[in-house]
Amino acid sequence: MPAKKKYRCLVCSHVYDPAEGDPATGMQPGTAFEDLPADWMCPDCGARKDDFEPMED
């Protein structure tokens, strides 16, 4: 199974790592970025999911 991609916030450079999830918002480790709810926001700056870009491996 290929590793899930990390995504970077274009506003504050926070990195969403699917291996870690986002415990602060209840997203379990292993949750792919694509599987985050549409209303999920950056835990650091509150940017929308649309404000993230996939990171190169």
Protein backbone atom coordinates (compact mmCIF):
# COMPACT_ATOMS: atom_id res chain seq x y z
CA MET A 1 0.00 0.00 0.00
CA PRO A 2 1.54 3.35 -1.00
CA ALA A 3 2.22 5.89 1.71
CA LYS A 4 -0.43 8.56 2.04
CA LYS A 5 0.67 12.02 0.96
CA LYS A 6 1.43 14.83 3.38
CA TYR A 7 -0.19 18.21 2.74
CA ARG A 8 1.16 21.68 3.59
CA CYS A 9 -0.91 24.71 4.56
CA LEU A 10 -0.25 27.55 2.12
CA VAL A 11 -1.01 30.09 4.85
CA CYS A 12 1.18 28.95 7.77
CA SER A 13 3.14 25.93 6.41
CA HIS A 14 1.56 23.49 8.89
CA VAL A 15 2.04 19.94 7.58
CA TYR A 16 -0.82 17.45 7.82
CA ASP A 17 0.78 14.02 8.14
CA PRO A 18 -1.72 11.17 7.68
CA ALA A 19 0.52 8.89 9.77
CA GLU A 20 -0.15 11.18 12.75
CA GLY A 21 -3.69 12.32 11.94
CA ASP A 22 -4.94 15.35 13.84
CA PRO A 23 -5.75 14.27 17.41
CA ALA A 24 -6.84 17.81 18.33
CA THR A 25 -9.82 17.48 15.98
CA GLY A 26 -10.40 13.77 16.50
CA MET A 27 -8.80 12.59 13.25
CA GLN A 28 -7.16 9.25 13.94
CA PRO A 29 -3.66 8.32 12.73
CA GLY A 30 -3.95 6.79 9.27
CA THR A 31 -6.62 9.26 8.10
CA ALA A 32 -5.79 10.37 4.55
CA PHE A 33 -6.07 14.09 3.81
CA GLU A 34 -8.76 13.30 1.23
CA ASP A 35 -10.81 11.62 3.98
CA LEU A 36 -10.83 14.67 6.26
CA PRO A 37 -14.26 16.32 6.49
CA ALA A 38 -14.88 19.24 4.12
CA ASP A 39 -15.13 21.61 7.10
CA TRP A 40 -11.79 20.52 8.61
CA MET A 41 -9.49 23.48 9.24
CA CYS A 42 -5.77 23.92 9.83
CA PRO A 43 -5.16 23.40 13.57
CA ASP A 44 -2.51 26.16 13.58
CA CYS A 45 -4.12 29.02 11.65
CA GLY A 46 -7.70 27.99 10.83
CA ALA A 47 -7.18 27.92 7.06
CA ARG A 48 -9.63 25.84 5.03
CA LYS A 49 -8.83 22.47 3.53
CA ASP A 50 -8.69 24.19 0.12
CA ASP A 51 -5.66 26.14 1.37
CA PHE A 52 -3.48 23.00 1.51
CA GLU A 53 -1.27 21.59 -1.23
CA PRO A 54 0.16 18.09 -1.60
CA MET A 55 3.85 17.78 -0.76
CA GLU A 56 6.31 16.02 -3.02
CA ASP A 57 7.78 12.82 -1.63
